[in-house]
């Protein structure tokens, strides 16, 4: 596992350990990995930063492949920065690992992505596996895909995730809603409660990824729930229930919210009003992943487990330093709630 201590990487590591697998975690040492892993330290962005991966390793590979005897059966990579880091790791590990699973993103599709777009849809142009430095998120993820494919070919699995929620989230979307609703009182609820959502719990992503890699699946898969797996109303009402607060959801028309300069997705996490961006994020075709065994747990379970995790942390959610904090400013919310128009 490249990473393995936060959010999706943590979920994959925990899922593999729960199966009794031998897990090696390669990371920078900023966060403690789960107990029971073999730990290798290094920084893939530094010169010779991958050196720890070139040793003999734990010798756990058991894959029947031409020239088998791999050190690892599977590498899982969630990198979202410069694609050159994926390129370097994939090239180094191509002869040491049987398969490479790269957690990509549905952002690799050319925008706007129409509702129902499958894996064969048009992709962003200009992505390069050799790109370093500051690269936009869609280009970084597509460049990472190309790097994995270049090194591993049909041994590479590309999991194009959409919105990811669940315990260990370090982006702040569901944690913001939970903590805001836990404070109680009137809560600005955006749009209408029947708005359909498409997302995936990080643990469901992890389980599917490990099953798919073990089955030898390769190539791209849109990895997210079916559209409408939950609604905005179900999500927020679940937050009210699990926090036990006296919060009152006040559903507010999208037009009023947008007229106030409030930004969907960033100021009001998860929520997007109907339109191009909504179709891109919440209406993707996921029939291929479901046919390959994807199962998504109820939204109530995702919300409850995320709240339990937050409580264990004392109500302070972790935040990735390379991502801006999300959430609506209290003064802006109060102004919208007080405005009867």
C-alpha atoms as a PDB file:
ATOM      1  CA  UNK A   1       0.000   0.000   0.000  1.00  0.00           C
ATOM      2  CA  UNK A   2       1.497   3.317  -1.115  1.00  0.00           C
ATOM      3  CA  UNK A   3       0.243   5.563   1.669  1.00  0.00           C
ATOM      4  CA  UNK A   4      -2.189   3.600   3.771  1.00  0.00           C
ATOM      5  CA  UNK A   5      -2.574   5.827   6.808  1.00  0.00           C
ATOM      6  CA  UNK A   6      -5.361   8.256   5.782  1.00  0.00           C
ATOM      7  CA  UNK A   7      -8.867   8.049   4.304  1.00  0.00           C
ATOM      8  CA  UNK A   8      -9.012   5.775   1.235  1.00  0.00           C
ATOM      9  CA  UNK A   9      -5.542   4.341   1.781  1.00  0.00           C
ATOM     10  CA  UNK A  10      -6.410   3.656   5.403  1.00  0.00           C
ATOM     11  CA  UNK A  11      -9.661   1.970   4.382  1.00  0.00           C
ATOM     12  CA  UNK A  12      -7.803  -0.283   1.922  1.00  0.00           C
ATOM     13  CA  UNK A  13      -5.181  -1.175   4.519  1.00  0.00           C
ATOM     14  CA  UNK A  14      -7.803  -1.985   7.155  1.00  0.00           C
ATOM     15  CA  UNK A  15      -9.799  -4.087   4.673  1.00  0.00           C
ATOM     16  CA  UNK A  16      -6.741  -6.090   3.656  1.00  0.00           C
ATOM     17  CA  UNK A  17      -5.753  -6.708   7.272  1.00  0.00           C
ATOM     18  CA  UNK A  18      -9.305  -7.840   8.071  1.00  0.00           C
ATOM     19  CA  UNK A  19      -8.907 -10.510   5.385  1.00  0.00           C
ATOM     20  CA  UNK A  20      -5.761 -11.790   7.018  1.00  0.00           C
ATOM     21  CA  UNK A  21      -3.529 -10.489   4.229  1.00  0.00           C
ATOM     22  CA  UNK A  22       0.088  -9.521   4.815  1.00  0.00           C
ATOM     23  CA  UNK A  23       0.235  -5.768   4.237  1.00  0.00           C
ATOM     24  CA  UNK A  24       3.226  -3.537   3.628  1.00  0.00           C
ATOM     25  CA  UNK A  25       2.633   0.196   4.077  1.00  0.00           C
ATOM     26  CA  UNK A  26       5.031   2.613   2.384  1.00  0.00           C
ATOM     27  CA  UNK A  27       4.566   6.152   3.689  1.00  0.00           C
ATOM     28  CA  UNK A  28       6.306   9.297   4.888  1.00  0.00           C
ATOM     29  CA  UNK A  29       5.817   8.609   8.584  1.00  0.00           C
ATOM     30  CA  UNK A  30       3.518  11.561   9.265  1.00  0.00           C
ATOM     31  CA  UNK A  31       0.692   9.359  10.560  1.00  0.00           C
ATOM     32  CA  UNK A  32       0.786   6.013  12.334  1.00  0.00           C
ATOM     33  CA  UNK A  33      -0.313   3.067  10.186  1.00  0.00           C
ATOM     34  CA  UNK A  34      -2.766   0.474  11.494  1.00  0.00           C
ATOM     35  CA  UNK A  35      -1.221  -2.137  13.792  1.00  0.00           C
ATOM     36  CA  UNK A  36      -0.103  -5.338  12.096  1.00  0.00           C
ATOM     37  CA  UNK A  37       1.468  -3.957   8.926  1.00  0.00           C
ATOM     38  CA  UNK A  38       5.039  -4.066   7.707  1.00  0.00           C
ATOM     39  CA  UNK A  39       6.156  -0.448   7.619  1.00  0.00           C
ATOM     40  CA  UNK A  40       8.501   1.069   5.039  1.00  0.00           C
ATOM     41  CA  UNK A  41       9.366   4.764   5.185  1.00  0.00           C
ATOM     42  CA  UNK A  42      10.118   7.064   2.279  1.00  0.00           C
ATOM     43  CA  UNK A  43       9.010  10.135   0.374  1.00  0.00           C
ATOM     44  CA  UNK A  44       8.148   9.416  -3.253  1.00  0.00           C
ATOM     45  CA  UNK A  45       8.634  13.081  -4.170  1.00  0.00           C
ATOM     46  CA  UNK A  46      12.262  13.130  -2.983  1.00  0.00           C
ATOM     47  CA  UNK A  47      15.374  11.952  -4.764  1.00  0.00           C
ATOM     48  CA  UNK A  48      15.907   8.272  -3.924  1.00  0.00           C
ATOM     49  CA  UNK A  49      12.674   8.502  -1.942  1.00  0.00           C
ATOM     50  CA  UNK A  50      11.555   5.055  -3.119  1.00  0.00           C
ATOM     51  CA  UNK A  51      14.693   3.297  -1.925  1.00  0.00           C
ATOM     52  CA  UNK A  52      12.857   1.372   0.793  1.00  0.00           C
ATOM     53  CA  UNK A  53      10.882  -0.446  -1.919  1.00  0.00           C
ATOM     54  CA  UNK A  54      13.985  -1.852  -3.577  1.00  0.00           C
ATOM     55  CA  UNK A  55      14.987  -4.160  -0.736  1.00  0.00           C
ATOM     56  CA  UNK A  56      14.073  -7.829  -0.556  1.00  0.00           C
ATOM     57  CA  UNK A  57      10.728  -7.010   1.061  1.00  0.00           C
ATOM     58  CA  UNK A  58       8.572  -9.405   3.056  1.00  0.00           C
ATOM     59  CA  UNK A  59       8.466 -12.007   0.233  1.00  0.00           C
ATOM     60  CA  UNK A  60       4.734 -12.599   0.460  1.00  0.00           C
ATOM     61  CA  UNK A  61       3.955 -12.955  -3.254  1.00  0.00           C
ATOM     62  CA  UNK A  62       2.048 -16.098  -4.262  1.00  0.00           C
ATOM     63  CA  UNK A  63       0.793 -15.172  -7.712  1.00  0.00           C
ATOM     64  CA  UNK A  64       0.984 -17.636 -10.596  1.00  0.00           C
ATOM     65  CA  UNK A  65       2.380 -15.349 -13.257  1.00  0.00           C
ATOM     66  CA  UNK A  66       5.050 -15.875 -15.892  1.00  0.00           C
ATOM     67  CA  UNK A  67       8.249 -15.320 -13.976  1.00  0.00           C
ATOM     68  CA  UNK A  68       6.294 -15.265 -10.709  1.00  0.00           C
ATOM     69  CA  UNK A  69       7.788 -15.009  -7.251  1.00  0.00           C
ATOM     70  CA  UNK A  70       6.731 -11.403  -6.890  1.00  0.00           C
ATOM     71  CA  UNK A  71       7.487  -9.651  -3.627  1.00  0.00           C
ATOM     72  CA  UNK A  72       3.927  -8.327  -3.550  1.00  0.00           C
ATOM     73  CA  UNK A  73       0.743  -9.652  -5.096  1.00  0.00           C
ATOM     74  CA  UNK A  74      -0.780  -6.188  -5.342  1.00  0.00           C
ATOM     75  CA  UNK A  75       0.168  -2.537  -5.086  1.00  0.00           C
ATOM     76  CA  UNK A  76      -2.559   0.012  -4.321  1.00  0.00           C
ATOM     77  CA  UNK A  77      -1.826   3.655  -5.098  1.00  0.00           C
ATOM     78  CA  UNK A  78      -4.085   6.633  -4.284  1.00  0.00           C
ATOM     79  CA  UNK A  79      -1.699   9.408  -5.375  1.00  0.00           C
ATOM     80  CA  UNK A  80      -3.355  12.620  -6.614  1.00  0.00           C
ATOM     81  CA  UNK A  81      -0.345  14.880  -7.142  1.00  0.00           C
ATOM     82  CA  UNK A  82       2.158  15.056  -9.979  1.00  0.00           C
ATOM     83  CA  UNK A  83       1.806  11.975 -12.237  1.00  0.00           C
ATOM     84  CA  UNK A  84       5.580  11.532 -12.337  1.00  0.00           C
ATOM     85  CA  UNK A  85       5.364  10.120  -8.806  1.00  0.00           C
ATOM     86  CA  UNK A  86       3.037   7.366 -10.045  1.00  0.00           C
ATOM     87  CA  UNK A  87       5.310   6.807 -13.034  1.00  0.00           C
ATOM     88  CA  UNK A  88       8.394   6.322 -10.859  1.00  0.00           C
ATOM     89  CA  UNK A  89       6.683   4.002  -8.369  1.00  0.00           C
ATOM     90  CA  UNK A  90       4.976   1.925 -11.063  1.00  0.00           C
ATOM     91  CA  UNK A  91       8.165   1.484 -13.070  1.00  0.00           C
ATOM     92  CA  UNK A  92      10.096   0.483  -9.978  1.00  0.00           C
ATOM     93  CA  UNK A  93       7.462  -2.021  -8.882  1.00  0.00           C
ATOM     94  CA  UNK A  94       6.566  -3.503 -12.287  1.00  0.00           C
ATOM     95  CA  UNK A  95       8.897  -6.437 -11.720  1.00  0.00           C
ATOM     96  CA  UNK A  96       8.225  -6.705  -8.003  1.00  0.00           C
ATOM     97  CA  UNK A  97       4.419  -6.726  -7.924  1.00  0.00           C
ATOM     98  CA  UNK A  98       1.879  -8.812  -9.807  1.00  0.00           C
ATOM     99  CA  UNK A  99      -0.788  -6.109 -10.096  1.00  0.00           C
ATOM    100  CA  UNK A 100      -1.202  -2.372  -9.655  1.00  0.00           C
ATOM    101  CA  UNK A 101      -4.498  -0.808  -8.595  1.00  0.00           C
ATOM    102  CA  UNK A 102      -4.652   2.948  -9.033  1.00  0.00           C
ATOM    103  CA  UNK A 103      -7.434   4.902  -7.327  1.00  0.00           C
ATOM    104  CA  UNK A 104      -8.239   7.438  -9.991  1.00  0.00           C
ATOM    105  CA  UNK A 105     -11.228   9.747 -10.382  1.00  0.00           C
ATOM    106  CA  UNK A 106     -14.201  10.373 -12.624  1.00  0.00           C
ATOM    107  CA  UNK A 107     -12.648  13.818 -13.046  1.00  0.00           C
ATOM    108  CA  UNK A 108     -10.556  12.283 -15.839  1.00  0.00           C
ATOM    109  CA  UNK A 109     -13.565  12.581 -18.170  1.00  0.00           C
ATOM    110  CA  UNK A 110     -13.726  15.619 -20.405  1.00  0.00           C
ATOM    111  CA  UNK A 111     -16.005  18.214 -18.775  1.00  0.00           C
ATOM    112  CA  UNK A 112     -18.945  18.388 -18.880  1.00  0.00           C
ATOM    113  CA  UNK A 113     -19.578  14.669 -18.625  1.00  0.00           C
ATOM    114  CA  UNK A 114     -23.186  13.939 -19.654  1.00  0.00           C
ATOM    115  CA  UNK A 115     -25.461  11.903 -17.419  1.00  0.00           C
ATOM    116  CA  UNK A 116     -24.953   8.172 -17.901  1.00  0.00           C
ATOM    117  CA  UNK A 117     -21.384   8.438 -19.209  1.00  0.00           C
ATOM    118  CA  UNK A 118     -19.631   5.020 -19.177  1.00  0.00           C
ATOM    119  CA  UNK A 119     -15.922   4.236 -18.965  1.00  0.00           C
ATOM    120  CA  UNK A 120     -15.509   4.680 -22.723  1.00  0.00           C
ATOM    121  CA  UNK A 121     -16.382   8.398 -22.522  1.00  0.00           C
ATOM    122  CA  UNK A 122     -13.963  11.085 -23.778  1.00  0.00           C
ATOM    123  CA  UNK A 123     -11.065  11.847 -21.446  1.00  0.00           C
ATOM    124  CA  UNK A 124      -9.162  15.032 -20.618  1.00  0.00           C
ATOM    125  CA  UNK A 125      -6.452  15.917 -23.103  1.00  0.00           C
ATOM    126  CA  UNK A 126      -2.937  16.976 -22.251  1.00  0.00           C
ATOM    127  CA  UNK A 127      -2.332  14.596 -19.360  1.00  0.00           C
ATOM    128  CA  UNK A 128       1.174  13.186 -19.250  1.00  0.00           C
ATOM    129  CA  UNK A 129       2.658  10.544 -16.946  1.00  0.00           C
ATOM    130  CA  UNK A 130       5.870  12.584 -16.994  1.00  0.00           C
ATOM    131  CA  UNK A 131       4.252  15.753 -15.627  1.00  0.00           C
ATOM    132  CA  UNK A 132       5.706  17.089 -12.407  1.00  0.00           C
ATOM    133  CA  UNK A 133       5.034  20.105 -10.258  1.00  0.00           C
ATOM    134  CA  UNK A 134       1.670  21.816 -10.135  1.00  0.00           C
ATOM    135  CA  UNK A 135      -0.821  19.856 -12.246  1.00  0.00           C
ATOM    136  CA  UNK A 136      -4.610  20.225 -12.199  1.00  0.00           C
ATOM    137  CA  UNK A 137      -6.491  17.414 -10.492  1.00  0.00           C
ATOM    138  CA  UNK A 138      -8.070  15.933 -13.677  1.00  0.00           C
ATOM    139  CA  UNK A 139      -4.727  15.963 -15.508  1.00  0.00           C
ATOM    140  CA  UNK A 140      -2.916  14.542 -12.475  1.00  0.00           C
ATOM    141  CA  UNK A 141      -5.318  11.613 -12.181  1.00  0.00           C
ATOM    142  CA  UNK A 142      -5.300  10.862 -15.909  1.00  0.00           C
ATOM    143  CA  UNK A 143      -1.523  11.107 -15.949  1.00  0.00           C
ATOM    144  CA  UNK A 144      -1.438   8.646 -13.060  1.00  0.00           C
ATOM    145  CA  UNK A 145      -3.636   6.262 -15.025  1.00  0.00           C
ATOM    146  CA  UNK A 146      -1.326   6.444 -18.023  1.00  0.00           C
ATOM    147  CA  UNK A 147       1.705   5.840 -15.817  1.00  0.00           C
ATOM    148  CA  UNK A 148       0.125   2.732 -14.280  1.00  0.00           C
ATOM    149  CA  UNK A 149      -0.892   1.403 -17.693  1.00  0.00           C
ATOM    150  CA  UNK A 150       2.546   2.072 -19.158  1.00  0.00           C
ATOM    151  CA  UNK A 151       4.295   0.061 -16.443  1.00  0.00           C
ATOM    152  CA  UNK A 152       1.735  -2.695 -15.802  1.00  0.00           C
ATOM    153  CA  UNK A 153      -0.389  -2.934 -18.959  1.00  0.00           C
ATOM    154  CA  UNK A 154      -3.268  -5.343 -18.439  1.00  0.00           C
ATOM    155  CA  UNK A 155      -2.094  -5.898 -14.874  1.00  0.00           C
ATOM    156  CA  UNK A 156      -3.296  -2.371 -14.003  1.00  0.00           C
ATOM    157  CA  UNK A 157      -6.729  -1.692 -12.498  1.00  0.00           C
ATOM    158  CA  UNK A 158      -8.058   1.875 -12.654  1.00  0.00           C
ATOM    159  CA  UNK A 159     -10.743   2.674 -10.070  1.00  0.00           C
ATOM    160  CA  UNK A 160     -12.391   5.926 -11.152  1.00  0.00           C
ATOM    161  CA  UNK A 161     -13.993   6.976  -7.898  1.00  0.00           C
ATOM    162  CA  UNK A 162     -16.531   9.756  -7.534  1.00  0.00           C
ATOM    163  CA  UNK A 163     -17.475  11.474  -4.290  1.00  0.00           C
ATOM    164  CA  UNK A 164     -15.982   9.470  -1.402  1.00  0.00           C
ATOM    165  CA  UNK A 165     -17.387   9.605   2.128  1.00  0.00           C
ATOM    166  CA  UNK A 166     -16.938   7.640   5.338  1.00  0.00           C
ATOM    167  CA  UNK A 167     -14.647   7.320   8.368  1.00  0.00           C
ATOM    168  CA  UNK A 168     -11.096   8.738   8.077  1.00  0.00           C
ATOM    169  CA  UNK A 169     -12.270  11.428   5.666  1.00  0.00           C
ATOM    170  CA  UNK A 170      -9.658  14.200   5.538  1.00  0.00           C
ATOM    171  CA  UNK A 171     -11.439  16.417   2.995  1.00  0.00           C
ATOM    172  CA  UNK A 172     -14.125  17.533   5.438  1.00  0.00           C
ATOM    173  CA  UNK A 173     -17.374  17.121   3.515  1.00  0.00           C
ATOM    174  CA  UNK A 174     -19.427  14.752   5.665  1.00  0.00           C
ATOM    175  CA  UNK A 175     -17.582  15.800   8.846  1.00  0.00           C
ATOM    176  CA  UNK A 176     -18.634  19.413   8.213  1.00  0.00           C
ATOM    177  CA  UNK A 177     -22.306  18.478   7.936  1.00  0.00           C
ATOM    178  CA  UNK A 178     -22.143  16.289  11.027  1.00  0.00           C
ATOM    179  CA  UNK A 179     -20.420  18.926  13.148  1.00  0.00           C
ATOM    180  CA  UNK A 180     -22.679  21.713  11.896  1.00  0.00           C
ATOM    181  CA  UNK A 181     -25.840  19.719  12.565  1.00  0.00           C
ATOM    182  CA  UNK A 182     -24.510  18.633  15.965  1.00  0.00           C
ATOM    183  CA  UNK A 183     -24.491  22.315  16.994  1.00  0.00           C
ATOM    184  CA  UNK A 184     -28.258  22.292  16.532  1.00  0.00           C
ATOM    185  CA  UNK A 185     -30.706  25.038  15.755  1.00  0.00           C
ATOM    186  CA  UNK A 186     -31.909  26.038  12.295  1.00  0.00           C
ATOM    187  CA  UNK A 187     -29.664  24.559   9.576  1.00  0.00           C
ATOM    188  CA  UNK A 188     -29.650  25.750   5.996  1.00  0.00           C
ATOM    189  CA  UNK A 189     -30.436  22.675   3.890  1.00  0.00           C
ATOM    190  CA  UNK A 190     -29.781  23.301   0.196  1.00  0.00           C
ATOM    191  CA  UNK A 191     -32.289  22.753  -2.577  1.00  0.00           C
ATOM    192  CA  UNK A 192     -34.794  19.957  -2.139  1.00  0.00           C
ATOM    193  CA  UNK A 193     -34.558  16.835   0.030  1.00  0.00           C
ATOM    194  CA  UNK A 194     -35.272  14.523  -2.923  1.00  0.00           C
ATOM    195  CA  UNK A 195     -32.064  15.458  -4.801  1.00  0.00           C
ATOM    196  CA  UNK A 196     -30.358  12.190  -5.764  1.00  0.00           C
ATOM    197  CA  UNK A 197     -26.741  11.631  -4.717  1.00  0.00           C
ATOM    198  CA  UNK A 198     -24.021   9.403  -6.128  1.00  0.00           C
ATOM    199  CA  UNK A 199     -21.070   8.637  -3.849  1.00  0.00           C
ATOM    200  CA  UNK A 200     -19.166   5.730  -2.342  1.00  0.00           C
ATOM    201  CA  UNK A 201     -18.150   4.818   1.187  1.00  0.00           C
ATOM    202  CA  UNK A 202     -14.354   4.466   1.300  1.00  0.00           C
ATOM    203  CA  UNK A 203     -14.747   1.016   2.849  1.00  0.00           C
ATOM    204  CA  UNK A 204     -16.947  -0.203  -0.012  1.00  0.00           C
ATOM    205  CA  UNK A 205     -14.380   1.157  -2.438  1.00  0.00           C
ATOM    206  CA  UNK A 206     -11.666  -0.737  -0.579  1.00  0.00           C
ATOM    207  CA  UNK A 207     -13.552  -4.036  -0.522  1.00  0.00           C
ATOM    208  CA  UNK A 208     -14.373  -3.869  -4.231  1.00  0.00           C
ATOM    209  CA  UNK A 209     -10.819  -2.901  -5.130  1.00  0.00           C
ATOM    210  CA  UNK A 210      -9.288  -5.857  -3.290  1.00  0.00           C
ATOM    211  CA  UNK A 211     -11.820  -8.313  -4.698  1.00  0.00           C
ATOM    212  CA  UNK A 212     -11.373  -6.981  -8.231  1.00  0.00           C
ATOM    213  CA  UNK A 213      -7.596  -7.090  -8.086  1.00  0.00           C
ATOM    214  CA  UNK A 214      -7.619 -10.613  -6.707  1.00  0.00           C
ATOM    215  CA  UNK A 215      -9.935 -11.649  -9.561  1.00  0.00           C
ATOM    216  CA  UNK A 216      -7.542 -10.199 -12.110  1.00  0.00           C
ATOM    217  CA  UNK A 217      -9.774  -7.372 -13.318  1.00  0.00           C
ATOM    218  CA  UNK A 218      -7.993  -4.627 -15.196  1.00  0.00           C
ATOM    219  CA  UNK A 219      -8.691  -1.397 -17.001  1.00  0.00           C
ATOM    220  CA  UNK A 220     -11.065   1.404 -15.934  1.00  0.00           C
ATOM    221  CA  UNK A 221     -14.145   1.115 -13.722  1.00  0.00           C
ATOM    222  CA  UNK A 222     -16.408   3.923 -12.545  1.00  0.00           C
ATOM    223  CA  UNK A 223     -16.407   3.174  -8.836  1.00  0.00           C
ATOM    224  CA  UNK A 224     -19.295   4.902  -7.119  1.00  0.00           C
ATOM    225  CA  UNK A 225     -22.850   4.059  -6.072  1.00  0.00           C
ATOM    226  CA  UNK A 226     -25.796   4.073  -8.417  1.00  0.00           C
ATOM    227  CA  UNK A 227     -27.330   7.550  -8.865  1.00  0.00           C
ATOM    228  CA  UNK A 228     -29.892   7.982  -6.132  1.00  0.00           C
ATOM    229  CA  UNK A 229     -28.321   5.463  -3.752  1.00  0.00           C
ATOM    230  CA  UNK A 230     -29.277   8.173  -1.247  1.00  0.00           C
ATOM    231  CA  UNK A 231     -30.834  11.614  -1.388  1.00  0.00           C
ATOM    232  CA  UNK A 232     -29.684  14.880   0.133  1.00  0.00           C
ATOM    233  CA  UNK A 233     -32.585  14.582   2.545  1.00  0.00           C
ATOM    234  CA  UNK A 234     -31.584  11.098   3.667  1.00  0.00           C
ATOM    235  CA  UNK A 235     -28.005  12.233   4.186  1.00  0.00           C
ATOM    236  CA  UNK A 236     -28.847  15.248   6.311  1.00  0.00           C
ATOM    237  CA  UNK A 237     -31.674  13.549   8.217  1.00  0.00           C
ATOM    238  CA  UNK A 238     -29.240  10.763   9.110  1.00  0.00           C
ATOM    239  CA  UNK A 239     -26.864  13.411  10.467  1.00  0.00           C
ATOM    240  CA  UNK A 240     -29.646  14.764  12.680  1.00  0.00           C
ATOM    241  CA  UNK A 241     -30.470  11.314  14.032  1.00  0.00           C
ATOM    242  CA  UNK A 242     -26.940  10.122  14.800  1.00  0.00           C
ATOM    243  CA  UNK A 243     -25.861  13.358  16.474  1.00  0.00           C
ATOM    244  CA  UNK A 244     -29.025  13.514  18.557  1.00  0.00           C
ATOM    245  CA  UNK A 245     -29.174  17.276  18.095  1.00  0.00           C
ATOM    246  CA  UNK A 246     -32.211  19.562  17.946  1.00  0.00           C
ATOM    247  CA  UNK A 247     -31.215  20.716  14.452  1.00  0.00           C
ATOM    248  CA  UNK A 248     -34.046  21.893  12.215  1.00  0.00           C
ATOM    249  CA  UNK A 249     -33.362  21.423   8.509  1.00  0.00           C
ATOM    250  CA  UNK A 250     -34.670  24.412   6.576  1.00  0.00           C
ATOM    251  CA  UNK A 251     -34.763  23.527   2.906  1.00  0.00           C
ATOM    252  CA  UNK A 252     -33.870  26.588   0.886  1.00  0.00           C
ATOM    253  CA  UNK A 253     -34.327  27.040  -2.884  1.00  0.00           C
ATOM    254  CA  UNK A 254     -31.157  26.706  -4.924  1.00  0.00           C
ATOM    255  CA  UNK A 255     -31.834  30.024  -6.638  1.00  0.00           C
ATOM    256  CA  UNK A 256     -31.749  31.889  -3.334  1.00  0.00           C
ATOM    257  CA  UNK A 257     -28.535  30.186  -2.267  1.00  0.00           C
ATOM    258  CA  UNK A 258     -26.761  30.877  -5.545  1.00  0.00           C
ATOM    259  CA  UNK A 259     -27.941  34.510  -5.607  1.00  0.00           C
ATOM    260  CA  UNK A 260     -26.206  35.002  -2.240  1.00  0.00           C
ATOM    261  CA  UNK A 261     -22.874  33.967  -3.772  1.00  0.00           C
ATOM    262  CA  UNK A 262     -22.737  30.646  -1.956  1.00  0.00           C
ATOM    263  CA  UNK A 263     -20.619  28.053  -3.768  1.00  0.00           C
ATOM    264  CA  UNK A 264     -22.090  24.565  -4.143  1.00  0.00           C
ATOM    265  CA  UNK A 265     -19.752  21.699  -3.252  1.00  0.00           C
ATOM    266  CA  UNK A 266     -17.289  23.869  -1.330  1.00  0.00           C
ATOM    267  CA  UNK A 267     -19.508  26.095   0.853  1.00  0.00           C
ATOM    268  CA  UNK A 268     -22.219  23.418   1.017  1.00  0.00           C
ATOM    269  CA  UNK A 269     -20.349  20.123   0.713  1.00  0.00           C
ATOM    270  CA  UNK A 270     -21.780  17.263  -1.362  1.00  0.00           C
ATOM    271  CA  UNK A 271     -24.583  19.455  -2.742  1.00  0.00           C
ATOM    272  CA  UNK A 272     -24.776  20.504  -6.386  1.00  0.00           C
ATOM    273  CA  UNK A 273     -27.856  22.064  -7.985  1.00  0.00           C
ATOM    274  CA  UNK A 274     -29.171  20.355 -11.131  1.00  0.00           C
ATOM    275  CA  UNK A 275     -27.062  21.191 -14.183  1.00  0.00           C
ATOM    276  CA  UNK A 276     -23.838  20.217 -15.928  1.00  0.00           C
ATOM    277  CA  UNK A 277     -21.759  19.777 -12.796  1.00  0.00           C
ATOM    278  CA  UNK A 278     -24.513  17.784 -11.097  1.00  0.00           C
ATOM    279  CA  UNK A 279     -24.746  15.445 -14.103  1.00  0.00           C
ATOM    280  CA  UNK A 280     -20.968  15.050 -14.069  1.00  0.00           C
ATOM    281  CA  UNK A 281     -20.708  14.223 -10.358  1.00  0.00           C
ATOM    282  CA  UNK A 282     -23.964  12.463  -9.503  1.00  0.00           C
ATOM    283  CA  UNK A 283     -25.164  10.738 -12.695  1.00  0.00           C
ATOM    284  CA  UNK A 284     -22.382   8.450 -13.905  1.00  0.00           C
ATOM    285  CA  UNK A 285     -22.886   4.975 -15.368  1.00  0.00           C
ATOM    286  CA  UNK A 286     -21.680   2.399 -12.840  1.00  0.00           C
ATOM    287  CA  UNK A 287     -23.172  -0.748 -14.359  1.00  0.00           C
ATOM    288  CA  UNK A 288     -19.724  -2.196 -15.074  1.00  0.00           C
ATOM    289  CA  UNK A 289     -18.594  -1.989 -11.435  1.00  0.00           C
ATOM    290  CA  UNK A 290     -21.892  -3.379 -10.123  1.00  0.00           C
ATOM    291  CA  UNK A 291     -21.653  -6.278 -12.572  1.00  0.00           C
ATOM    292  CA  UNK A 292     -18.185  -6.888 -11.125  1.00  0.00           C
ATOM    293  CA  UNK A 293     -19.494  -7.127  -7.564  1.00  0.00           C
ATOM    294  CA  UNK A 294     -19.718  -3.581  -6.198  1.00  0.00           C
ATOM    295  CA  UNK A 295     -21.987  -3.314  -3.169  1.00  0.00           C
ATOM    296  CA  UNK A 296     -22.700  -0.049  -1.369  1.00  0.00           C
ATOM    297  CA  UNK A 297     -23.862   0.121   2.236  1.00  0.00           C
ATOM    298  CA  UNK A 298     -26.823   2.300   3.318  1.00  0.00           C
ATOM    299  CA  UNK A 299     -26.176   5.990   3.859  1.00  0.00           C
ATOM    300  CA  UNK A 300     -27.318   5.639   7.475  1.00  0.00           C
ATOM    301  CA  UNK A 301     -24.395   3.300   8.182  1.00  0.00           C
ATOM    302  CA  UNK A 302     -21.860   5.607   6.542  1.00  0.00           C
ATOM    303  CA  UNK A 303     -23.137   8.593   8.529  1.00  0.00           C
ATOM    304  CA  UNK A 304     -23.301   6.734  11.858  1.00  0.00           C
ATOM    305  CA  UNK A 305     -19.798   5.271  11.518  1.00  0.00           C
ATOM    306  CA  UNK A 306     -18.343   8.618  10.490  1.00  0.00           C
ATOM    307  CA  UNK A 307     -19.926  10.284  13.522  1.00  0.00           C
ATOM    308  CA  UNK A 308     -18.581   7.585  15.829  1.00  0.00           C
ATOM    309  CA  UNK A 309     -15.104   8.119  14.385  1.00  0.00           C
ATOM    310  CA  UNK A 310     -15.398  11.893  14.816  1.00  0.00           C
ATOM    311  CA  UNK A 311     -16.445  11.469  18.431  1.00  0.00           C
ATOM    312  CA  UNK A 312     -13.384   9.285  19.026  1.00  0.00           C
ATOM    313  CA  UNK A 313     -11.277  12.175  17.692  1.00  0.00           C
ATOM    314  CA  UNK A 314     -12.959  14.651  20.016  1.00  0.00           C
ATOM    315  CA  UNK A 315     -14.932  16.252  17.209  1.00  0.00           C
ATOM    316  CA  UNK A 316     -11.868  17.501  15.339  1.00  0.00           C
ATOM    317  CA  UNK A 317     -11.709  16.120  11.805  1.00  0.00           C
ATOM    318  CA  UNK A 318      -8.317  15.810  10.065  1.00  0.00           C
ATOM    319  CA  UNK A 319      -7.702  18.094   7.098  1.00  0.00           C
ATOM    320  CA  UNK A 320      -5.439  17.464   4.129  1.00  0.00           C
ATOM    321  CA  UNK A 321      -2.994  20.380   3.879  1.00  0.00           C
ATOM    322  CA  UNK A 322      -3.281  20.462   0.073  1.00  0.00           C
ATOM    323  CA  UNK A 323      -7.063  20.891   0.094  1.00  0.00           C
ATOM    324  CA  UNK A 324      -9.001  23.990   1.175  1.00  0.00           C
ATOM    325  CA  UNK A 325     -11.360  23.699   4.109  1.00  0.00           C
ATOM    326  CA  UNK A 326     -15.017  23.355   3.175  1.00  0.00           C
ATOM    327  CA  UNK A 327     -18.187  24.669   4.755  1.00  0.00           C
ATOM    328  CA  UNK A 328     -20.496  27.652   4.898  1.00  0.00           C
ATOM    329  CA  UNK A 329     -19.505  30.632   7.039  1.00  0.00           C
ATOM    330  CA  UNK A 330     -21.888  30.959  10.035  1.00  0.00           C
ATOM    331  CA  UNK A 331     -22.682  34.588   9.201  1.00  0.00           C
ATOM    332  CA  UNK A 332     -23.654  33.753   5.637  1.00  0.00           C
ATOM    333  CA  UNK A 333     -25.878  30.915   6.832  1.00  0.00           C
ATOM    334  CA  UNK A 334     -27.532  33.131   9.446  1.00  0.00           C
ATOM    335  CA  UNK A 335     -28.204  35.810   6.861  1.00  0.00           C
ATOM    336  CA  UNK A 336     -29.860  33.358   4.479  1.00  0.00           C
ATOM    337  CA  UNK A 337     -31.968  31.844   7.233  1.00  0.00           C
ATOM    338  CA  UNK A 338     -33.095  35.259   8.407  1.00  0.00           C
ATOM    339  CA  UNK A 339     -34.058  36.427   4.917  1.00  0.00           C
ATOM    340  CA  UNK A 340     -37.732  35.558   4.293  1.00  0.00           C
ATOM    341  CA  UNK A 341     -37.460  36.240   0.540  1.00  0.00           C
END
